[in-house]
Protein backbone atom coordinates (compact mmCIF):
# COMPACT_ATOMS: atom_id res chain seq x y z
CA VAL A 1 0.04 0.11 -0.09
CA GLY A 2 2.24 2.83 -1.01
CA ASN A 3 5.68 3.65 0.06
CA THR A 4 5.39 4.51 3.77
CA HIS A 5 8.29 5.42 5.74
CA PHE A 6 7.87 4.89 9.39
CA SER A 7 9.71 7.18 11.76
CA PRO A 8 9.39 7.04 15.61
CA HIS A 9 9.70 10.76 15.54
CA PRO A 10 7.38 13.03 13.69
CA PRO A 11 9.01 15.35 11.12
CA LYS A 12 8.95 18.48 13.56
CA THR A 13 10.71 16.55 16.04
CA LEU A 14 13.39 15.45 13.50
CA SER A 15 14.19 19.01 12.63
CA ARG A 16 14.52 19.81 16.34
CA LEU A 17 16.84 16.87 16.95
CA SER A 18 18.86 17.94 14.10
CA ARG A 19 19.20 21.49 15.31
CA LEU A 20 20.13 20.24 18.71
CA SER A 21 22.59 18.00 17.41
CA ARG A 22 24.13 21.05 15.35
CA LEU A 23 24.32 23.19 18.44
CA SER A 24 25.72 20.50 20.53
CA ARG A 25 28.62 20.20 18.00
CA LEU A 26 29.02 23.84 17.83
CA SER A 27 29.21 24.11 21.45
CA ARG A 28 31.73 21.44 21.62
CA LEU A 29 33.78 23.32 19.05
CA SER A 30 33.37 26.60 20.79
CA ARG A 31 34.64 24.95 24.01
CA HIS A 32 37.67 23.43 22.39
CA SER A 33 38.37 26.93 20.67
CA MET A 34 37.92 28.69 24.10
CA ILE A 35 40.33 26.22 25.71
CA LYS A 36 42.84 26.32 23.13
CA THR A 37 42.57 30.30 23.22
CA LEU A 38 42.99 30.17 27.09
CA GLY A 39 45.86 27.88 26.73
CA LEU A 40 47.63 30.12 24.33
CA ILE A 41 47.20 33.09 26.48
CA ILE A 42 48.46 31.01 29.67
CA LEU A 43 51.56 30.17 27.62
CA VAL A 44 52.29 33.57 26.40
CA CYS A 45 51.86 34.77 30.00
CA LEU A 46 54.37 32.30 31.36
CA THR A 47 56.81 33.51 28.90
CA CYS A 48 56.00 37.52 29.11
CA GLU A 49 58.80 38.01 31.69
CA GLY A 50 61.85 38.96 29.57
CA LEU A 51 65.12 37.63 30.08
CA LYS A 52 67.51 39.49 32.60
CA CYS A 53 71.17 39.97 31.87
CA TYR A 54 73.91 42.04 33.46
CA GLU A 55 74.38 45.28 31.31
CA ARG A 56 76.83 48.18 31.00
CA ASP A 57 75.97 51.67 29.42
CA GLY A 58 77.73 52.66 26.27
CA ARG A 59 76.66 49.76 24.21
CA GLY A 60 77.74 47.14 26.73
CA ARG A 61 81.24 48.55 27.27
CA GLY A 62 80.83 51.36 29.75
CA GLN A 63 80.03 51.42 33.50
CA LYS A 64 78.25 48.39 34.90
CA ILE A 65 74.48 49.04 35.44
CA GLY A 66 73.51 45.86 36.82
CA LEU A 67 70.83 43.13 36.25
CA GLN A 68 68.47 44.65 33.66
CA GLU A 69 65.33 43.29 31.99
CA CYS A 70 66.18 42.91 28.19
CA SER A 71 64.01 44.73 25.54
CA ALA A 72 61.72 42.25 23.84
CA GLU A 73 64.07 42.53 20.44
CA LYS A 74 67.07 41.91 22.54
CA SER A 75 65.93 38.98 24.77
CA PHE A 76 67.57 36.12 23.02
CA GLY A 77 70.67 35.90 25.34
CA CYS A 78 73.29 37.26 27.35
CA ARG A 79 76.89 38.24 26.42
CA LEU A 80 79.87 38.49 28.70
CA GLN A 81 83.07 39.46 26.87
CA GLU A 82 86.52 40.44 27.96
CA GLN A 83 89.27 41.73 25.92
CA TYR A 84 92.92 41.25 26.62
CA ASP A 85 93.21 45.11 27.14
CA GLY A 86 90.68 44.78 30.01
CA GLU A 87 87.65 46.12 28.13
CA MET A 88 84.44 44.35 29.32
CA THR A 89 81.18 43.79 27.40
CA GLU A 90 78.01 42.80 29.26
CA GLU A 91 74.61 43.09 27.38
CA CYS A 92 71.41 41.44 26.07
CA VAL A 93 71.69 39.97 22.47
CA ASP A 94 69.17 39.89 19.78
CA GLU A 95 68.73 36.87 17.27
CA ASP A 96 71.13 38.32 14.58
CA ASP A 97 73.79 38.70 17.35
CA ILE A 98 73.44 35.16 18.54
CA ARG A 99 73.89 33.90 15.00
CA LYS A 100 76.98 36.03 14.36
CA PHE A 101 78.47 35.47 17.69
CA THR A 102 78.06 31.48 17.44
CA ARG A 103 79.64 31.71 14.04
CA PHE A 104 82.40 33.95 15.12
CA TYR A 105 83.39 32.56 18.46
CA LEU A 106 81.57 29.34 19.43
CA GLU A 107 81.15 27.30 16.30
CA GLU A 108 84.92 26.08 15.89
CA GLU A 109 84.47 24.81 19.53
CA GLY A 110 81.48 22.88 18.57
CA LYS A 111 79.35 24.81 21.26
CA GLU A 112 75.86 26.70 21.11
CA GLY A 113 76.62 28.64 24.25
CA GLY A 114 78.80 29.00 27.28
CA CYS A 115 82.20 30.09 27.23
CA VAL A 116 85.50 30.17 25.17
CA GLU A 117 88.76 31.54 25.74
CA ASN A 118 91.50 32.89 23.47
CA VAL A 119 89.25 33.54 20.34
CA GLY A 120 88.27 35.88 17.75
CA TYR A 121 90.23 38.04 15.17
CA GLN A 122 93.93 37.45 16.14
CA LYS A 123 92.77 35.89 19.30
CA LYS A 124 92.20 39.23 20.95
CA THR A 125 89.37 38.08 22.78
CA LYS A 126 90.36 36.75 26.40
CA LEU A 127 87.02 35.39 27.19
CA PHE A 128 83.61 35.22 25.31
CA CYS A 129 80.39 33.86 26.91
CA LEU A 130 77.04 33.45 25.39
CA CYS A 131 74.35 32.25 27.74
CA PHE A 132 70.40 32.19 27.87
CA THR A 133 69.32 32.41 31.73
CA ASP A 134 68.67 35.26 33.84
CA GLY A 135 71.96 36.86 35.10
CA CYS A 136 73.95 34.26 33.42
CA ASN A 137 76.43 36.89 32.38
CA GLU A 138 77.50 37.98 35.71
CA SER A 139 80.57 35.80 35.64
CA LYS A 140 82.33 33.26 33.76
CA GLU A 141 81.38 30.52 36.00
CA LYS A 142 77.72 31.44 35.68
CA ALA A 143 77.91 31.54 32.05
CA ALA A 144 79.69 28.46 31.54
CA ALA A 145 77.20 26.77 33.98
CA SER A 146 74.41 27.70 31.64
CA GLU A 147 76.01 26.10 28.64
CA SER A 148 73.69 23.16 28.69
CA THR A 149 70.62 25.49 28.85
CA THR A 150 70.79 26.78 25.29
CA ILE A 151 67.84 28.34 23.61
CA LEU A 152 67.24 25.64 21.08
CA PRO A 153 65.72 23.26 23.68
CA LEU A 154 63.63 26.10 25.01
CA ILE A 155 62.16 27.08 21.63
CA MET A 156 61.58 23.22 21.02
CA LEU A 157 59.69 23.07 24.30
CA LEU A 158 57.54 26.30 23.45
CA PHE A 159 56.58 24.64 19.99
CA ALA A 160 55.79 21.32 21.66
CA ALA A 161 53.50 23.00 24.20
CA THR A 162 51.87 25.17 21.56
CA ALA A 163 51.14 21.86 19.55
CA ALA A 164 49.76 20.08 22.53
CA ILE A 165 47.35 22.97 23.12
CA MET A 166 46.32 23.12 19.41
CA LEU A 167 45.29 19.45 19.32
């Protein structure tokens, strides 16, 4: 007797159920997006405080100022350098400085950070240190101790945490 389709729900109920199902999915997506957004905000806030390095005025070569928070563009590491003539440099460094210093001073020693001695053009640099933790450029000992704490693992950790939040 004709083509009858039996449904336990009348047509109006089906459309309501369909709308509720869509709203439920949207709600889950919204919660998921909100959780991801909150996670990213927390991650950013945890890394908001900048690196602190010992600094000197006069582009790192003058009078000692003390422990200072690095500006955003110069918060990639700390430098400690002593020339044989006694000139000292203590400063925050940017990403370009790190590449340049690593290539010029540390690469031939097979290091990414830490300290090296008797390096540079005509070996005029008595001590060169590049480090990545707060106050690490206060002394050779502190800078050398932070050698194992290079910026690469920190960046990898940041990306891993961001990826985990995005999933």
